[in-house]
C-alpha atoms as a PDB file:
ATOM      1  CA  MET A   1     -12.401   5.556 -23.679  1.00  0.00           C
ATOM      2  CA  ARG A   2     -12.009   1.657 -22.042  1.00  0.00           C
ATOM      3  CA  SER A   3     -11.256   1.124 -18.376  1.00  0.00           C
ATOM      4  CA  SER A   4      -7.694   1.298 -17.558  1.00  0.00           C
ATOM      5  CA  VAL A   5      -8.352  -1.591 -14.851  1.00  0.00           C
ATOM      6  CA  PRO A   6      -7.605  -4.346 -16.500  1.00  0.00           C
ATOM      7  CA  GLN A   7      -3.867  -3.054 -17.385  1.00  0.00           C
ATOM      8  CA  MET A   8      -3.443  -1.484 -13.954  1.00  0.00           C
ATOM      9  CA  LEU A   9      -4.010  -4.991 -12.584  1.00  0.00           C
ATOM     10  CA  ALA A  10      -1.936  -6.913 -15.320  1.00  0.00           C
ATOM     11  CA  ALA A  11       1.286  -3.831 -13.931  1.00  0.00           C
ATOM     12  CA  SER A  12       0.631  -5.171 -11.076  1.00  0.00           C
ATOM     13  CA  VAL A  13       0.812  -8.833 -12.323  1.00  0.00           C
ATOM     14  CA  VAL A  14       3.470  -8.643 -14.185  1.00  0.00           C
ATOM     15  CA  ILE A  15       5.688  -6.756 -10.625  1.00  0.00           C
ATOM     16  CA  TYR A  16       4.968  -9.098  -8.037  1.00  0.00           C
ATOM     17  CA  THR A  17       5.760 -11.707 -10.466  1.00  0.00           C
ATOM     18  CA  PHE A  18       9.244 -10.677 -11.288  1.00  0.00           C
ATOM     19  CA  GLY A  19       9.812  -9.207  -7.679  1.00  0.00           C
ATOM     20  CA  LEU A  20       8.397 -11.857  -5.184  1.00  0.00           C
ATOM     21  CA  PRO A  21      11.322 -14.701  -6.730  1.00  0.00           C
ATOM     22  CA  TRP A  22      13.641 -11.356  -6.135  1.00  0.00           C
ATOM     23  CA  LEU A  23      12.448 -10.442  -3.035  1.00  0.00           C
ATOM     24  CA  ALA A  24      12.752 -14.792  -1.962  1.00  0.00           C
ATOM     25  CA  VAL A  25      16.275 -15.146  -3.223  1.00  0.00           C
ATOM     26  CA  ALA A  26      16.961 -12.071  -2.096  1.00  0.00           C
ATOM     27  CA  ALA A  27      16.157 -12.212   1.442  1.00  0.00           C
ATOM     28  CA  ASP A  28      16.920 -16.076   1.422  1.00  0.00           C
ATOM     29  CA  LEU A  29      12.900 -16.955   2.416  1.00  0.00           C
ATOM     30  CA  ASP A  30      10.862 -19.723   0.973  1.00  0.00           C
ATOM     31  CA  PRO A  31       8.207 -18.854  -1.672  1.00  0.00           C
ATOM     32  CA  GLY A  32       5.764 -19.280   0.737  1.00  0.00           C
ATOM     33  CA  ARG A  33       7.382 -16.431   2.790  1.00  0.00           C
ATOM     34  CA  ALA A  34       7.996 -14.333   0.078  1.00  0.00           C
ATOM     35  CA  VAL A  35       4.729 -14.174  -0.098  1.00  0.00           C
ATOM     36  CA  ALA A  36       3.446 -13.872   3.452  1.00  0.00           C
ATOM     37  CA  LYS A  37       6.213 -10.931   3.293  1.00  0.00           C
ATOM     38  CA  GLY A  38       5.838 -10.109  -0.566  1.00  0.00           C
ATOM     39  CA  LEU A  39       2.586  -9.541  -1.474  1.00  0.00           C
ATOM     40  CA  LEU A  40      -0.192  -9.836   0.713  1.00  0.00           C
ATOM     41  CA  PRO A  41       0.309  -6.584   3.333  1.00  0.00           C
ATOM     42  CA  PHE A  42       0.395  -4.804   0.117  1.00  0.00           C
ATOM     43  CA  LEU A  43      -3.095  -6.616  -2.101  1.00  0.00           C
ATOM     44  CA  VAL A  44      -5.507  -4.206  -0.552  1.00  0.00           C
ATOM     45  CA  GLY A  45      -3.730  -1.709  -0.972  1.00  0.00           C
ATOM     46  CA  ASP A  46      -3.359  -2.203  -4.396  1.00  0.00           C
ATOM     47  CA  ALA A  47      -6.469  -2.904  -4.468  1.00  0.00           C
ATOM     48  CA  VAL A  48      -7.829   1.405  -3.192  1.00  0.00           C
ATOM     49  CA  LYS A  49      -4.814   2.265  -5.629  1.00  0.00           C
ATOM     50  CA  LEU A  50      -6.320   0.250  -8.666  1.00  0.00           C
ATOM     51  CA  LEU A  51     -10.037   1.793  -7.581  1.00  0.00           C
ATOM     52  CA  LEU A  52      -9.124   5.140  -6.995  1.00  0.00           C
ATOM     53  CA  ALA A  53      -7.204   5.596 -10.589  1.00  0.00           C
ATOM     54  CA  ALA A  54      -9.389   3.548 -12.475  1.00  0.00           C
ATOM     55  CA  THR A  55     -12.846   6.480 -11.253  1.00  0.00           C
ATOM     56  CA  ALA A  56     -10.219   9.031 -11.189  1.00  0.00           C
ATOM     57  CA  LEU A  57      -8.344   8.630 -14.806  1.00  0.00           C
ATOM     58  CA  PRO A  58     -11.745   8.715 -16.543  1.00  0.00           C
ATOM     59  CA  LEU A  59     -12.578  12.175 -14.798  1.00  0.00           C
ATOM     60  CA  ALA A  60      -9.446  13.787 -15.346  1.00  0.00           C
ATOM     61  CA  TRP A  61      -9.697  12.634 -18.670  1.00  0.00           C
ATOM     62  CA  ARG A  62     -13.015  15.181 -18.985  1.00  0.00           C
ATOM     63  CA  LEU A  63     -11.985  17.493 -16.850  1.00  0.00           C
ATOM     64  CA  VAL A  64      -9.174  18.206 -19.893  1.00  0.00           C
ATOM     65  CA  ASN A  65     -11.512  17.725 -22.821  1.00  0.00           C
ATOM     66  CA  GLY A  66     -14.117  19.112 -22.159  1.00  0.00           C
ATOM     67  CA  PRO A  67     -17.624  18.636 -22.227  1.00  0.00           C
ATOM     68  CA  SER A  68     -18.289  18.349 -25.488  1.00  0.00           C
ATOM     69  CA  VAL A  69     -15.733  16.058 -26.370  1.00  0.00           C
ATOM     70  CA  ARG A  70     -17.540  12.337 -26.520  1.00  0.00           C
ATOM     71  CA  HIS A  71     -15.696   8.772 -25.578  1.00  0.00           C
ATOM     72  CA  ARG A  72     -16.791   5.571 -26.726  1.00  0.00           C
END
């Protein structure tokens, strides 16, 4: 089974790509301020969430599929 980290990272990039400009317009912020308010405070939490999910997902699949199933 392939790692889910690239897909999760891509999803976060998509969310921030659309969310930051929306925040800038809705809150009347310049781009730098939108990044400071809408991206930077969430980077550590997003990284922790990504690492936890990337660890938990393969373990969950092993529990669901049982020990006899092997993934490539």
